[in-house]
Amino acid sequence: MKIMVLADEESKYLWDYFEKKKLEGIDLIISCGDLAPQYLSFLATFTHAPVLYIHGNHDACYEETPPDGCICIDGDIYTYQGVRILGLGGSMEYKYNGAPHQYTEKAMESRIRKLNRKLKKTGGFDILVTHSPAYQLNDSQDLPHTGFRCFRTLIEQYSPAFFCHGHVHINYGRDFVRESQYMNTTIINAFERYVIEI
């Protein structure tokens, strides 16, 4: 199965210079957050592949303008053709009194606990999709871009094939790593677009 993961910046290759054949062979599209809802709706119009999404820290507009034809998997486990996908959007809380899709470590842990029953039912997950990275796995040292420790715990506990995230942009320079490995999990920074196979 070929999966296109996206995050943070709308791809000119797909949006400004779109040709339908560019999505041929893609079985699933997953947004890791901070993309215009119109962009995701546009992609959903031109593919038979489901378009899944979670929220980034800048996606408050989704409340009024959700991406049409797309499926929100934020705080849920979605199974497609036997592949189990766990979605957890948002970033570390960095605004006073909080903001939409910003969480303390404790709040993110609480979100994960609410999924315990579903995790037992599905027997785990194959792909972890988040907006923020995991703590000390390609994150940054400033508070907004610090990763969540509980994401590391999820990887250690369930050993998914892939962990896909956004939030750390390519123009951040030395902090950007496209692909890396932690234990048995391949970590992908989905900035703009990237294709994985599972």
Protein backbone atom coordinates (compact mmCIF):
# COMPACT_ATOMS: atom_id res chain seq x y z
CA MET A 1 0.00 0.00 0.00
CA LYS A 2 1.32 3.43 -1.00
CA ILE A 3 0.50 6.24 1.42
CA MET A 4 1.15 9.92 0.78
CA VAL A 5 1.72 11.87 3.98
CA LEU A 6 1.48 15.67 4.03
CA ALA A 7 2.12 18.45 6.55
CA ASP A 8 2.68 22.16 7.15
CA GLU A 9 3.03 23.49 3.60
CA GLU A 10 0.72 22.99 0.63
CA SER A 11 2.67 21.31 -2.15
CA LYS A 12 2.91 23.46 -5.26
CA TYR A 13 3.65 20.24 -7.16
CA LEU A 14 0.18 18.97 -6.24
CA TRP A 15 -1.86 22.18 -5.98
CA ASP A 16 -0.42 24.82 -8.33
CA TYR A 17 0.79 22.36 -10.97
CA PHE A 18 -1.75 19.62 -10.46
CA GLU A 19 -2.13 16.70 -12.84
CA LYS A 20 -4.40 13.82 -11.87
CA LYS A 21 -1.71 11.27 -12.77
CA LYS A 22 0.41 12.57 -9.87
CA LEU A 23 -1.97 10.77 -7.48
CA GLU A 24 -2.06 7.52 -9.48
CA GLY A 25 -1.00 4.54 -7.39
CA ILE A 26 -1.62 6.36 -4.09
CA ASP A 27 -3.91 4.24 -1.89
CA LEU A 28 -4.25 6.62 1.04
CA ILE A 29 -3.49 10.27 1.83
CA ILE A 30 -2.83 11.40 5.40
CA SER A 31 -2.44 15.00 6.58
CA CYS A 32 -0.29 15.49 9.68
CA GLY A 33 -1.70 18.98 10.21
CA ASP A 34 -1.36 22.69 9.46
CA LEU A 35 -2.71 22.52 5.92
CA ALA A 36 -5.49 24.62 4.41
CA PRO A 37 -8.81 22.77 4.45
CA GLN A 38 -9.34 23.86 0.82
CA TYR A 39 -6.13 22.04 -0.14
CA LEU A 40 -7.25 18.77 1.45
CA SER A 41 -10.71 19.13 -0.12
CA PHE A 42 -9.04 19.70 -3.50
CA LEU A 43 -7.03 16.50 -3.18
CA ALA A 44 -10.09 14.53 -2.08
CA THR A 45 -11.88 15.66 -5.25
CA PHE A 46 -9.23 14.18 -7.53
CA THR A 47 -8.52 10.82 -5.91
CA HIS A 48 -10.40 7.68 -4.96
CA ALA A 49 -8.02 7.29 -2.02
CA PRO A 50 -9.42 8.29 1.38
CA VAL A 51 -7.96 11.54 2.71
CA LEU A 52 -7.43 11.39 6.48
CA TYR A 53 -6.38 14.27 8.70
CA ILE A 54 -5.52 15.36 12.20
CA HIS A 55 -5.25 18.93 13.52
CA GLY A 56 -2.08 20.95 13.61
CA ASN A 57 -1.63 23.79 16.07
CA HIS A 58 -2.78 26.28 13.40
CA ASP A 59 -5.93 24.43 12.32
CA ALA A 60 -8.57 26.23 14.40
CA CYS A 61 -10.26 27.20 11.10
CA TYR A 62 -11.30 23.55 10.67
CA GLU A 63 -14.08 24.14 13.22
CA GLU A 64 -15.88 26.44 10.76
CA THR A 65 -14.42 25.08 7.51
CA PRO A 66 -13.63 21.37 7.81
CA PRO A 67 -11.99 19.75 4.79
CA ASP A 68 -14.80 18.46 2.57
CA GLY A 69 -14.71 14.80 1.62
CA CYS A 70 -12.01 14.04 4.21
CA ILE A 71 -12.03 11.94 7.38
CA CYS A 72 -10.87 13.31 10.74
CA ILE A 73 -8.94 10.67 12.72
CA ASP A 74 -7.80 13.00 15.51
CA GLY A 75 -8.13 11.16 18.80
CA ASP A 76 -9.20 7.96 17.06
CA ILE A 77 -7.99 4.73 15.47
CA TYR A 78 -8.93 4.27 11.82
CA THR A 79 -8.44 0.99 9.98
CA TYR A 80 -8.05 0.92 6.20
CA GLN A 81 -7.47 -2.34 4.34
CA GLY A 82 -6.15 -3.88 7.54
CA VAL A 83 -3.75 -1.02 8.34
CA ARG A 84 -4.49 0.50 11.77
CA ILE A 85 -3.82 4.24 12.03
CA LEU A 86 -3.78 6.15 15.32
CA GLY A 87 -4.23 9.92 15.02
CA LEU A 88 -3.23 12.48 17.68
CA GLY A 89 -3.13 16.09 16.52
CA GLY A 90 -1.90 19.25 18.17
CA SER A 91 1.31 20.59 19.62
CA MET A 92 2.82 21.32 23.00
CA GLU A 93 0.91 24.12 24.74
CA TYR A 94 2.82 27.38 24.38
CA LYS A 95 0.14 30.08 24.62
CA TYR A 96 -0.98 31.44 27.98
CA ASN A 97 -4.31 29.86 28.97
CA GLY A 98 -3.95 27.48 26.04
CA ALA A 99 -5.32 27.55 22.50
CA PRO A 100 -7.13 25.12 20.21
CA HIS A 101 -5.05 22.01 19.52
CA GLN A 102 -2.37 22.81 22.08
CA TYR A 103 -1.79 20.38 24.95
CA THR A 104 0.37 19.95 28.00
CA GLU A 105 2.15 16.63 28.33
CA LYS A 106 -0.44 15.61 30.93
CA ALA A 107 -3.35 16.54 28.63
CA MET A 108 -1.90 14.48 25.75
CA GLU A 109 -1.42 11.52 28.11
CA SER A 110 -5.10 11.85 29.03
CA ARG A 111 -6.09 11.75 25.34
CA ILE A 112 -4.11 8.53 24.92
CA ARG A 113 -5.69 6.93 28.00
CA LYS A 114 -9.12 7.52 26.47
CA LEU A 115 -8.03 5.31 23.57
CA ASN A 116 -6.98 2.35 25.76
CA ARG A 117 -10.16 0.36 25.07
CA LYS A 118 -9.86 0.86 21.30
CA LEU A 119 -6.16 -0.03 21.42
CA LYS A 120 -6.97 -3.31 23.16
CA LYS A 121 -9.71 -4.03 20.64
CA THR A 122 -7.48 -3.38 17.61
CA GLY A 123 -4.42 -5.01 19.19
CA GLY A 124 -2.36 -1.86 18.67
CA PHE A 125 -1.68 0.18 15.54
CA ASP A 126 0.59 0.15 12.50
CA ILE A 127 0.99 3.89 11.90
CA LEU A 128 1.09 6.67 14.48
CA VAL A 129 0.07 10.01 12.94
CA THR A 130 0.70 13.17 14.95
CA HIS A 131 1.42 16.81 14.29
CA SER A 132 4.22 17.20 16.83
CA PRO A 133 7.22 14.90 16.93
CA ALA A 134 8.08 12.72 19.91
CA TYR A 135 10.38 14.01 22.62
CA GLN A 136 14.02 14.00 21.44
CA LEU A 137 13.09 12.28 18.19
CA ASN A 138 13.67 15.05 15.63
CA ASP A 139 11.98 17.72 17.75
CA SER A 140 13.43 21.12 18.65
CA GLN A 141 14.39 22.65 21.99
CA ASP A 142 11.98 25.62 21.92
CA LEU A 143 8.69 24.96 23.74
CA PRO A 144 6.35 25.12 20.70
CA HIS A 145 8.40 22.47 18.89
CA THR A 146 9.25 20.22 21.83
CA GLY A 147 7.92 16.72 21.25
CA PHE A 148 5.69 14.70 23.55
CA ARG A 149 7.24 12.06 25.82
CA CYS A 150 4.03 10.02 25.65
CA PHE A 151 4.54 9.58 21.88
CA ARG A 152 7.85 7.88 22.63
CA THR A 153 6.06 5.65 25.12
CA LEU A 154 3.49 4.70 22.47
CA ILE A 155 6.26 3.76 20.04
CA GLU A 156 8.09 1.74 22.68
CA GLN A 157 4.92 -0.04 23.78
CA TYR A 158 3.29 -0.82 20.42
CA SER A 159 6.21 -0.79 17.95
CA PRO A 160 4.31 0.61 14.93
CA ALA A 161 5.87 0.32 11.49
CA PHE A 162 5.71 4.10 10.98
CA PHE A 163 5.47 7.28 13.03
CA CYS A 164 4.52 10.22 10.80
CA HIS A 165 4.54 13.80 12.08
CA GLY A 166 4.91 17.39 10.92
CA HIS A 167 5.48 20.66 12.80
CA VAL A 168 9.28 20.80 12.27
CA HIS A 169 9.71 22.50 8.90
CA ILE A 170 12.47 21.99 6.36
CA ASN A 171 13.41 25.69 6.55
CA TYR A 172 14.31 25.25 10.23
CA GLY A 173 17.66 23.99 8.96
CA ARG A 174 19.65 21.63 11.14
CA ASP A 175 16.58 20.42 13.07
CA PHE A 176 14.95 18.95 9.96
CA VAL A 177 15.28 15.19 9.47
CA ARG A 178 13.07 13.58 6.80
CA GLU A 179 13.45 9.94 7.82
CA SER A 180 14.99 8.22 10.84
CA GLN A 181 14.63 5.10 12.93
CA TYR A 182 13.72 4.51 16.57
CA MET A 183 13.68 0.90 17.69
CA ASN A 184 11.54 -0.91 15.05
CA THR A 185 9.69 2.22 13.94
CA THR A 186 10.52 4.35 10.91
CA ILE A 187 9.97 8.04 11.69
CA ILE A 188 8.84 10.30 8.84
CA ASN A 189 8.66 14.08 8.87
CA ALA A 190 5.76 14.63 6.45
CA PHE A 191 6.63 18.27 5.64
CA GLU A 192 5.02 19.20 2.28
CA ARG A 193 4.69 15.61 0.95
CA TYR A 194 6.32 12.20 1.17
CA VAL A 195 5.30 8.71 0.07
CA ILE A 196 5.71 5.62 2.23
CA GLU A 197 4.89 1.98 1.54
CA ILE A 198 3.50 -0.47 4.05
